[in-house]
Amino acid sequence: MTPEFQVIIQCFFYTAFAQFYKCKNSYVELQRLNKTLIGPLPIYENKKEKYAYEERVTFRCPPGYHLSAASLQFYGEAIYTVCLIEGLWSHPWPSCRGVNENVTCENEYMINPSNHRLKPSENEVRAMYSDHRLLYPHQFTIKFHCPKDMTLLNTNGLSVMVSSCGDNGVWTREWPMCQGNICPYFSITNGNVTESYSKRSVGLTLNITCESGYYLWGKNTTECLSSLKWSSVAECIPMETFKRYCEKKRATMRISIENGTLIPYCQITPLATAKSSIGIVGISVIIVLVILCLLVGAFLIVRRHRQQILQTVNLQNSEHNNYNETNCLVLPSYEEVQKIKYDMPPSFEEIFGSEEKRKKKMKIS
């Protein structure tokens, strides 16, 4: 076999294998395994999860840091590594050392749950971020953002806020909170919901499930309404409590099996339905009788009051008539006047005449 033919075969196999093997991002793998490097991560361009054959990644340490002793064994002045045909790197990804390499910053949401500033309320939730861990190395950077229809508090309208672990173990910016029109926290004892606490916007539907040994009383879904309230409230209760709840509804507990799971439910019997109907009819009759009694009583009261008023008016008219009969001056009629006149003795004028008549008689004589 000629050297040229060997080169062609090698190129063919290398090209074929290169399609299957990829080199992984070592720093992403560390985050996936929840492990961290001592000190800050080196700075590198072309960030992605996997790299193709012969792809190069170049590194540099942040200001004030230098390559660790272990990394210097593999690197010279040029800090880079190349993806090989087997999916391995030519050099391990480096780490940086410095004065603040042991400085760490805490996860303020996890380590300080009693902090009132970071305690969620009905209209506030904690911001969302990607890398969840308890401690972060020096100069580690986190990007915060809010769920849909919510905004970051005290950030002057930023949609994304960035904070880094500082030299003294304090974040360059306080971890933020998100505010918006959201429903209160939905929690259920002995049960779970499908969505996380931070997603409580209007229109969200939660699926409710109960833990083993507990059974759902109520609907298995609830929705965040425009009034910022949940559409329904459910409970996860043991079997005995479920039976007692059915008895309160005058129903019998029944159990069905779906996919090997026991599902209790309440079944109202015809007798219980009849009793309930009779009870409703009896209550309706009593209410009608009470209303009739009230109406009759009101009629009698009005009638009695009217009679009292009429008696008072009649009494006043009678007293008025008696007063006229006893105290008022009644003039006699013409016949009575004439009769009285003839029965009385004659007056002086009738006997001697008037003064003019007397004077005439004296002149004549």
Protein backbone atom coordinates (compact mmCIF):
# COMPACT_ATOMS: atom_id res chain seq x y z
CA MET A 1 0.00 0.00 0.00
CA THR A 2 1.45 3.31 -1.04
CA PRO A 3 1.81 6.21 1.43
CA GLU A 4 -0.61 8.28 -0.60
CA PHE A 5 -3.28 5.61 -0.36
CA GLN A 6 -2.75 5.36 3.44
CA VAL A 7 -3.24 9.09 3.80
CA ILE A 8 -6.47 8.92 1.82
CA ILE A 9 -7.81 6.08 4.01
CA GLN A 10 -6.85 7.96 7.21
CA CYS A 11 -8.56 11.10 6.00
CA PHE A 12 -11.67 9.08 5.15
CA PHE A 13 -11.85 7.42 8.57
CA TYR A 14 -11.02 10.64 10.42
CA THR A 15 -13.78 12.44 8.56
CA ALA A 16 -16.25 9.65 9.31
CA PHE A 17 -15.40 9.50 13.02
CA ALA A 18 -15.44 13.29 13.32
CA GLN A 19 -19.15 13.25 12.49
CA PHE A 20 -19.88 11.09 15.54
CA TYR A 21 -17.46 12.40 18.18
CA LYS A 22 -17.87 15.82 19.75
CA CYS A 23 -15.90 17.45 22.55
CA LYS A 24 -17.97 18.62 25.53
CA ASN A 25 -17.70 21.96 27.31
CA SER A 26 -15.94 21.04 30.56
CA TYR A 27 -17.32 24.03 32.49
CA VAL A 28 -20.91 23.18 31.49
CA GLU A 29 -20.34 19.61 32.63
CA LEU A 30 -19.13 20.88 36.01
CA GLN A 31 -22.30 22.95 36.42
CA ARG A 32 -24.40 19.96 35.44
CA LEU A 33 -22.73 17.89 38.15
CA ASN A 34 -23.17 20.79 40.61
CA LYS A 35 -19.41 21.18 41.04
CA THR A 36 -17.38 24.37 40.97
CA LEU A 37 -13.79 25.39 40.38
CA ILE A 38 -11.79 27.16 43.05
CA GLY A 39 -11.57 30.73 41.90
CA PRO A 40 -13.33 32.35 38.93
CA LEU A 41 -13.86 30.64 35.61
CA PRO A 42 -11.43 31.63 32.85
CA ILE A 43 -12.77 33.89 30.13
CA TYR A 44 -13.21 32.25 26.72
CA GLU A 45 -15.00 32.99 23.48
CA ASN A 46 -17.16 30.71 21.33
CA LYS A 47 -19.21 29.40 24.25
CA LYS A 48 -21.34 26.35 23.48
CA GLU A 49 -22.00 22.89 24.89
CA LYS A 50 -20.21 20.80 22.22
CA TYR A 51 -17.33 21.43 19.79
CA ALA A 52 -16.46 19.80 16.50
CA TYR A 53 -13.21 18.07 15.55
CA GLU A 54 -10.16 20.40 15.42
CA GLU A 55 -12.17 23.28 16.91
CA ARG A 56 -10.04 25.49 19.18
CA VAL A 57 -10.97 27.26 22.43
CA THR A 58 -8.72 30.03 23.79
CA PHE A 59 -8.73 31.08 27.47
CA ARG A 60 -7.53 33.96 29.60
CA CYS A 61 -7.80 34.65 33.32
CA PRO A 62 -9.69 37.64 34.73
CA PRO A 63 -7.66 40.68 35.88
CA GLY A 64 -5.69 39.92 39.05
CA TYR A 65 -5.66 36.15 38.39
CA HIS A 66 -3.23 33.76 36.73
CA LEU A 67 -3.19 30.14 35.64
CA SER A 68 -3.00 27.56 38.40
CA ALA A 69 0.12 25.43 38.80
CA ALA A 70 -1.69 22.37 37.42
CA SER A 71 -2.74 24.29 34.32
CA LEU A 72 0.80 25.63 33.74
CA GLN A 73 2.01 22.05 33.29
CA PHE A 74 0.01 21.81 30.08
CA TYR A 75 0.00 25.38 28.82
CA GLY A 76 2.72 27.72 27.77
CA GLU A 77 2.11 31.33 27.00
CA ALA A 78 -0.72 30.48 24.61
CA ILE A 79 -3.68 29.17 26.57
CA TYR A 80 -5.83 27.13 24.22
CA THR A 81 -7.03 23.57 23.69
CA VAL A 82 -8.10 21.66 20.56
CA CYS A 83 -10.84 19.05 20.09
CA LEU A 84 -9.29 15.74 18.96
CA ILE A 85 -10.75 12.98 16.82
CA GLU A 86 -11.75 10.81 19.79
CA GLY A 87 -13.90 13.58 21.34
CA LEU A 88 -11.13 14.49 23.81
CA TRP A 89 -9.34 17.79 24.33
CA SER A 90 -5.66 18.21 23.67
CA HIS A 91 -5.29 19.96 27.06
CA PRO A 92 -7.65 20.00 30.07
CA TRP A 93 -9.64 23.16 30.52
CA PRO A 94 -7.71 25.47 32.88
CA SER A 95 -8.47 27.12 36.22
CA CYS A 96 -7.33 30.48 37.55
CA ARG A 97 -5.78 31.42 40.89
CA GLY A 98 -5.45 34.70 42.73
CA VAL A 99 -5.63 36.53 46.03
CA ASN A 100 -9.44 36.17 46.20
CA GLU A 101 -9.59 32.61 44.94
CA ASN A 102 -11.22 31.37 48.19
CA VAL A 103 -13.84 34.14 48.26
CA THR A 104 -17.40 32.87 47.80
CA CYS A 105 -20.83 34.51 47.72
CA GLU A 106 -24.01 32.95 49.08
CA ASN A 107 -27.24 32.18 47.28
CA GLU A 108 -29.44 34.83 48.89
CA TYR A 109 -32.67 33.04 48.03
CA MET A 110 -31.63 29.73 49.60
CA ILE A 111 -29.39 30.74 52.53
CA ASN A 112 -31.36 33.78 53.71
CA PRO A 113 -35.03 32.67 53.58
CA SER A 114 -35.90 34.90 56.55
CA ASN A 115 -34.81 38.06 54.74
CA HIS A 116 -38.06 40.09 54.52
CA ARG A 117 -36.85 41.93 51.43
CA LEU A 118 -36.55 38.62 49.55
CA LYS A 119 -39.69 37.04 51.03
CA PRO A 120 -42.33 36.65 48.31
CA SER A 121 -45.71 38.30 48.84
CA GLU A 122 -49.01 38.06 46.98
CA ASN A 123 -47.78 40.28 44.11
CA GLU A 124 -44.05 39.54 44.29
CA VAL A 125 -41.91 36.53 43.42
CA ARG A 126 -38.20 35.81 43.31
CA ALA A 127 -36.45 36.42 40.03
CA MET A 128 -35.51 33.56 37.73
CA TYR A 129 -31.89 32.52 37.09
CA SER A 130 -30.15 29.52 35.56
CA ASP A 131 -27.34 28.35 37.87
CA HIS A 132 -28.81 27.13 41.20
CA ARG A 133 -26.25 26.40 43.91
CA LEU A 134 -25.56 27.41 47.53
CA LEU A 135 -22.15 29.11 47.01
CA TYR A 136 -20.64 30.91 44.04
CA PRO A 137 -16.93 31.54 43.44
CA HIS A 138 -15.31 34.95 43.20
CA GLN A 139 -16.33 37.02 40.15
CA PHE A 140 -19.11 34.57 39.26
CA THR A 141 -21.84 36.37 37.30
CA ILE A 142 -25.59 35.66 37.41
CA LYS A 143 -28.28 37.02 35.11
CA PHE A 144 -31.75 37.57 36.61
CA HIS A 145 -35.03 37.97 34.74
CA CYS A 146 -38.75 37.83 35.56
CA PRO A 147 -41.63 35.61 34.42
CA LYS A 148 -44.05 36.87 31.80
CA ASP A 149 -46.03 40.05 32.63
CA MET A 150 -43.73 40.88 35.58
CA THR A 151 -40.92 43.43 36.07
CA LEU A 152 -37.77 43.61 38.19
CA LEU A 153 -38.11 45.79 41.28
CA ASN A 154 -35.68 48.67 41.94
CA THR A 155 -33.78 48.20 38.66
CA ASN A 156 -34.98 51.28 36.73
CA GLY A 157 -36.93 49.22 34.24
CA LEU A 158 -34.25 46.61 33.37
CA SER A 159 -35.51 43.40 31.76
CA VAL A 160 -32.29 41.54 32.74
CA MET A 161 -30.15 42.33 35.77
CA VAL A 162 -26.55 41.12 36.22
CA SER A 163 -24.79 40.67 39.57
CA SER A 164 -21.24 39.40 40.27
CA CYS A 165 -19.56 37.96 43.35
CA GLY A 166 -17.30 40.75 44.67
CA ASP A 167 -13.89 40.72 46.41
CA ASN A 168 -15.38 40.77 49.93
CA GLY A 169 -17.90 37.99 49.29
CA VAL A 170 -20.75 40.44 48.63
CA TRP A 171 -22.70 40.62 45.39
CA THR A 172 -22.22 43.76 43.30
CA ARG A 173 -26.04 44.12 43.16
CA GLU A 174 -28.63 42.76 45.59
CA TRP A 175 -30.64 39.82 44.34
CA PRO A 176 -33.89 41.24 42.92
CA MET A 177 -37.59 40.53 43.24
CA CYS A 178 -40.25 40.54 40.50
CA GLN A 179 -43.58 42.33 40.75
CA GLY A 180 -46.78 42.05 38.71
CA ASN A 181 -50.42 41.02 38.55
CA ILE A 182 -50.26 37.44 39.76
CA CYS A 183 -52.33 35.10 41.91
CA PRO A 184 -51.29 34.26 45.48
CA TYR A 185 -49.21 31.17 46.17
CA PHE A 186 -51.17 27.99 45.69
CA SER A 187 -50.21 25.36 48.20
CA ILE A 188 -51.93 22.11 49.09
CA THR A 189 -51.13 19.97 52.11
CA ASN A 190 -50.15 16.39 51.25
CA GLY A 191 -50.25 17.26 47.54
CA ASN A 192 -48.34 18.79 44.63
CA VAL A 193 -48.92 21.11 41.69
CA THR A 194 -47.31 20.97 38.26
CA GLU A 195 -46.01 24.54 37.96
CA SER A 196 -43.30 26.28 39.99
CA TYR A 197 -44.07 29.06 42.48
CA SER A 198 -42.80 31.80 40.17
CA LYS A 199 -45.39 31.16 37.43
CA ARG A 200 -48.66 32.56 38.75
CA SER A 201 -49.82 34.84 35.93
CA VAL A 202 -53.46 35.25 34.87
CA GLY A 203 -54.70 32.29 32.82
CA LEU A 204 -52.27 29.78 34.30
CA THR A 205 -53.82 26.37 35.03
CA LEU A 206 -52.33 24.15 37.72
CA ASN A 207 -52.76 20.38 37.81
CA ILE A 208 -53.18 19.06 41.35
CA THR A 209 -52.09 15.60 42.51
CA CYS A 210 -52.06 14.00 45.95
CA GLU A 211 -49.36 12.03 47.68
CA SER A 212 -49.67 8.33 48.38
CA GLY A 213 -52.38 7.53 50.95
CA TYR A 214 -54.27 10.80 50.29
CA TYR A 215 -57.16 11.42 47.92
CA LEU A 216 -58.34 14.54 46.12
CA TRP A 217 -61.46 16.30 47.37
CA GLY A 218 -62.42 18.83 44.73
CA LYS A 219 -61.26 19.53 41.18
CA ASN A 220 -57.86 18.38 40.00
CA THR A 221 -57.19 21.69 38.23
CA THR A 222 -57.36 25.35 39.23
CA GLU A 223 -56.91 28.50 37.14
CA CYS A 224 -55.57 31.96 37.98
CA LEU A 225 -58.51 34.29 37.22
CA SER A 226 -58.42 37.96 36.20
CA SER A 227 -59.56 38.79 39.75
CA LEU A 228 -56.17 37.38 40.91
CA LYS A 229 -57.87 34.49 42.69
CA TRP A 230 -57.76 30.76 42.02
CA SER A 231 -60.88 29.29 40.43
CA SER A 232 -61.16 26.38 42.89
CA VAL A 233 -59.68 25.06 46.12
CA ALA A 234 -58.94 21.38 46.65
CA GLU A 235 -57.81 19.18 49.54
CA CYS A 236 -55.75 16.01 49.79
CA ILE A 237 -57.34 13.99 52.58
CA PRO A 238 -57.15 10.40 53.90
CA MET A 239 -59.87 7.84 53.11
CA GLU A 240 -61.66 8.20 56.47
CA THR A 241 -61.97 11.96 56.06
CA PHE A 242 -63.24 11.47 52.51
CA LYS A 243 -65.95 9.12 53.82
CA ARG A 244 -66.96 11.64 56.49
CA TYR A 245 -67.22 14.41 53.88
CA CYS A 246 -69.53 12.18 51.81
CA GLU A 247 -71.75 11.54 54.83
CA LYS A 248 -72.09 15.28 55.39
CA LYS A 249 -73.45 15.53 51.85
CA ARG A 250 -75.86 12.65 52.67
CA ALA A 251 -74.06 10.49 50.12
CA THR A 252 -72.32 7.12 50.10
CA MET A 253 -68.61 6.79 49.36
CA ARG A 254 -67.76 4.61 46.39
CA ILE A 255 -64.33 3.57 45.06
CA SER A 256 -63.33 3.12 41.43
CA ILE A 257 -60.03 1.85 40.05
CA GLU A 258 -58.30 3.61 37.14
CA ASN A 259 -54.88 2.48 35.96
CA GLY A 260 -54.38 0.61 39.22
CA THR A 261 -55.16 3.69 41.32
CA LEU A 262 -57.99 3.92 43.86
CA ILE A 263 -60.26 6.90 43.23
CA PRO A 264 -62.98 7.50 45.87
CA TYR A 265 -66.08 9.51 45.04
CA CYS A 266 -69.46 10.36 46.59
CA GLN A 267 -72.67 8.84 45.22
CA ILE A 268 -76.02 10.27 46.26
CA THR A 269 -78.63 7.49 46.67
CA PRO A 270 -82.28 7.89 45.48
CA LEU A 271 -83.53 7.69 49.08
CA ALA A 272 -81.21 10.48 50.12
CA THR A 273 -82.36 12.47 47.09
CA ALA A 274 -86.01 11.91 48.06
CA LYS A 275 -85.32 12.94 51.65
CA SER A 276 -83.52 15.98 50.43
CA SER A 277 -86.44 16.87 48.14
CA ILE A 278 -88.95 16.38 50.97
CA GLY A 279 -86.81 18.54 53.21
CA ILE A 280 -86.70 21.26 50.58
CA VAL A 281 -90.49 21.11 50.06
CA GLY A 282 -91.08 21.22 53.83
CA ILE A 283 -88.86 24.25 54.21
CA SER A 284 -90.63 25.96 51.29
CA VAL A 285 -94.07 25.32 52.88
CA ILE A 286 -92.90 26.69 56.21
CA ILE A 287 -91.55 29.82 54.53
CA VAL A 288 -94.87 30.35 52.68
CA LEU A 289 -96.86 29.92 55.93
CA VAL A 290 -94.63 32.38 57.75
CA ILE A 291 -95.12 34.94 54.97
CA LEU A 292 -98.92 34.44 55.07
CA CYS A 293 -98.96 34.86 58.86
CA LEU A 294 -96.99 38.07 58.52
CA LEU A 295 -99.38 39.40 55.89
CA VAL A 296 -102.48 38.53 57.96
CA GLY A 297 -100.94 40.07 61.06
CA ALA A 298 -100.13 43.25 59.14
CA PHE A 299 -103.73 43.39 57.78
CA LEU A 300 -105.20 43.02 61.27
CA ILE A 301 -102.91 45.69 62.68
CA VAL A 302 -103.89 48.14 59.90
CA ARG A 303 -107.58 47.34 60.37
CA ARG A 304 -107.44 47.88 64.13
CA HIS A 305 -105.60 51.14 63.70
CA ARG A 306 -108.24 52.34 61.22
CA GLN A 307 -111.04 51.50 63.67
CA GLN A 308 -109.30 53.45 66.41
CA ILE A 309 -109.03 56.47 64.12
CA LEU A 310 -112.77 56.27 63.23
CA GLN A 311 -113.75 56.03 66.91
CA THR A 312 -111.67 59.09 67.73
CA VAL A 313 -113.29 61.10 64.90
CA ASN A 314 -116.84 60.11 65.98
CA LEU A 315 -116.10 61.05 69.59
CA GLN A 316 -114.85 64.49 68.54
CA ASN A 317 -117.99 65.10 66.41
CA SER A 318 -120.25 64.11 69.33
CA GLU A 319 -118.52 66.46 71.74
CA HIS A 320 -118.85 69.28 69.21
CA ASN A 321 -122.59 68.77 68.85
CA ASN A 322 -123.10 68.70 72.63
CA TYR A 323 -121.24 71.99 72.96
CA ASN A 324 -123.54 73.69 70.43
CA GLU A 325 -126.63 72.41 72.17
CA THR A 326 -125.62 73.66 75.66
CA ASN A 327 -123.52 76.76 75.14
CA CYS A 328 -124.58 78.37 71.87
CA LEU A 329 -127.31 81.16 71.56
CA VAL A 330 -130.34 79.90 69.66
CA LEU A 331 -132.64 82.62 68.25
CA PRO A 332 -136.45 82.13 68.64
CA SER A 333 -138.67 81.88 65.61
CA TYR A 334 -141.16 84.65 64.49
CA GLU A 335 -144.16 82.87 65.99
CA GLU A 336 -142.36 82.49 69.29
CA VAL A 337 -141.51 86.20 69.30
CA GLN A 338 -145.11 87.23 68.64
CA LYS A 339 -146.38 84.91 71.38
CA ILE A 340 -143.91 86.32 73.86
CA LYS A 341 -144.84 89.86 72.82
CA TYR A 342 -148.57 89.46 73.55
CA ASP A 343 -147.94 87.77 76.86
CA MET A 344 -145.82 90.70 78.17
CA PRO A 345 -147.41 93.87 79.84
CA PRO A 346 -147.57 97.09 77.70
CA SER A 347 -144.62 99.45 77.71
CA PHE A 348 -144.62 103.16 78.61
CA GLU A 349 -144.61 104.20 74.99
CA GLU A 350 -147.52 101.96 74.22
CA ILE A 351 -149.52 103.54 77.08
CA PHE A 352 -148.64 107.26 76.67
CA GLY A 353 -147.46 107.24 73.15
CA SER A 354 -144.22 108.45 71.80
CA GLU A 355 -142.79 111.88 72.65
CA GLU A 356 -143.80 113.39 69.27
CA LYS A 357 -147.39 112.36 69.78
CA ARG A 358 -147.48 113.97 73.23
CA LYS A 359 -146.11 117.27 71.89
CA LYS A 360 -148.78 117.35 69.15
CA LYS A 361 -151.53 116.83 71.75
CA MET A 362 -150.20 119.65 73.93
CA LYS A 363 -150.22 122.12 70.93
CA ILE A 364 -153.75 121.20 70.02
CA SER A 365 -155.05 121.74 73.52
